[in-house]
Amino acid sequence: MSGEENVRTPAYKRVLAILGIVLLVGMYLVLLYEAVTGSPDTFNVFIGCAAATVAVPIVLWLLIWTIGAITGKDTIASPRHGMNDKESQRNVSKRSGDND
């Protein structure tokens, strides 16, 4: 391996990911059923599924980011994910035009 310790994904992230997958797959199955039966509401279901395809991952990302921000833990949704304090400070100083 690359020298990093193997850390398990927290349970809340796994639960949110599974919830998102179940929600999206369920919506697509409803859309498929509506399309096969030729229901007059098919267009509305399609628009709802298209909107949810974008909204569900964004909402899940925001939830993970918020939980990480509240607990103070670095998550994949953090703006400086994986950087230590020195790397973070170096990047900030490069952006502001300061030289070491």
Protein backbone atom coordinates (compact mmCIF):
# COMPACT_ATOMS: atom_id res chain seq x y z
CA MET A 1 0.00 0.00 0.00
CA SER A 2 1.03 3.64 -0.05
CA GLY A 3 1.87 3.83 3.65
CA GLU A 4 -1.54 5.19 4.62
CA GLU A 5 -3.45 3.33 7.25
CA ASN A 6 -6.62 1.57 6.13
CA VAL A 7 -9.49 3.54 7.66
CA ARG A 8 -13.09 2.36 7.41
CA THR A 9 -15.71 4.71 6.07
CA PRO A 10 -17.92 6.00 8.91
CA ALA A 11 -21.34 4.37 9.21
CA TYR A 12 -23.27 7.58 8.53
CA LYS A 13 -21.57 7.97 5.14
CA ARG A 14 -22.37 4.39 4.17
CA VAL A 15 -25.99 4.79 5.29
CA LEU A 16 -26.38 8.05 3.33
CA ALA A 17 -24.80 6.49 0.23
CA ILE A 18 -27.06 3.44 0.38
CA LEU A 19 -30.09 5.67 0.99
CA GLY A 20 -29.20 7.76 -2.08
CA ILE A 21 -28.75 4.66 -4.24
CA VAL A 22 -32.06 3.16 -3.09
CA LEU A 23 -33.86 6.46 -3.66
CA LEU A 24 -32.48 6.93 -7.19
CA VAL A 25 -33.04 3.29 -8.24
CA GLY A 26 -36.59 3.42 -6.85
CA MET A 27 -37.35 6.57 -8.81
CA TYR A 28 -36.01 5.05 -12.03
CA LEU A 29 -38.14 1.93 -11.50
CA VAL A 30 -41.24 4.11 -11.02
CA LEU A 31 -40.30 6.03 -14.18
CA LEU A 32 -39.89 2.76 -16.10
CA TYR A 33 -43.27 1.54 -14.85
CA GLU A 34 -44.92 4.83 -15.85
CA ALA A 35 -43.31 4.68 -19.30
CA VAL A 36 -44.40 1.08 -19.92
CA THR A 37 -47.98 1.63 -18.78
CA GLY A 38 -48.33 4.89 -20.71
CA SER A 39 -49.71 6.85 -17.79
CA PRO A 40 -50.60 10.50 -18.46
CA ASP A 41 -48.32 11.47 -15.55
CA THR A 42 -45.21 10.02 -17.22
CA PHE A 43 -43.84 13.42 -18.24
CA ASN A 44 -44.20 14.79 -14.71
CA VAL A 45 -42.49 11.71 -13.28
CA PHE A 46 -39.68 12.10 -15.82
CA ILE A 47 -39.14 15.76 -14.86
CA GLY A 48 -39.13 14.79 -11.18
CA CYS A 49 -36.59 12.03 -11.80
CA ALA A 50 -34.36 14.35 -13.84
CA ALA A 51 -34.43 16.95 -11.06
CA ALA A 52 -33.81 14.35 -8.36
CA THR A 53 -30.90 12.85 -10.32
CA VAL A 54 -29.13 16.17 -9.79
CA ALA A 55 -30.59 17.11 -6.39
CA VAL A 56 -30.10 13.85 -4.45
CA PRO A 57 -26.28 13.66 -4.82
CA ILE A 58 -25.95 17.39 -4.05
CA VAL A 59 -28.09 17.07 -0.91
CA LEU A 60 -26.13 14.00 0.21
CA TRP A 61 -22.82 15.82 -0.39
CA LEU A 62 -24.10 18.79 1.65
CA LEU A 63 -25.17 16.48 4.49
CA ILE A 64 -21.75 14.79 4.58
CA TRP A 65 -19.99 18.16 4.44
CA THR A 66 -22.18 19.58 7.22
CA ILE A 67 -21.63 16.59 9.49
CA GLY A 68 -17.87 16.87 8.87
CA ALA A 69 -17.92 20.61 9.57
CA ILE A 70 -19.88 20.16 12.80
CA THR A 71 -17.68 17.33 14.07
CA GLY A 72 -14.47 18.97 12.84
CA LYS A 73 -13.46 15.92 10.81
CA ASP A 74 -11.93 16.01 7.35
CA THR A 75 -14.34 14.49 4.85
CA ILE A 76 -14.10 14.00 1.11
CA ALA A 77 -16.50 16.94 0.84
CA SER A 78 -14.07 19.25 2.66
CA PRO A 79 -12.50 21.97 0.50
CA ARG A 80 -8.98 21.01 1.61
CA HIS A 81 -9.51 17.24 1.86
CA GLY A 82 -6.29 15.35 2.53
CA MET A 83 -4.07 18.41 3.07
CA ASN A 84 -2.22 18.89 6.31
CA ASP A 85 -1.88 22.34 7.87
CA LYS A 86 1.47 23.12 6.18
CA GLU A 87 0.15 22.28 2.71
CA SER A 88 -2.97 24.30 3.38
CA GLN A 89 -0.99 27.35 4.51
CA ARG A 90 1.39 27.03 1.53
CA ASN A 91 -1.54 26.97 -0.92
CA VAL A 92 -3.15 29.99 0.76
CA SER A 93 0.10 31.96 0.59
CA LYS A 94 0.58 31.06 -3.11
CA ARG A 95 -2.89 32.34 -3.92
CA SER A 96 -2.34 35.59 -2.07
CA GLY A 97 1.00 36.21 -3.82
CA ASP A 98 3.22 35.85 -0.74
CA ASN A 99 6.56 34.11 -1.17
CA ASP A 100 8.29 31.98 1.45
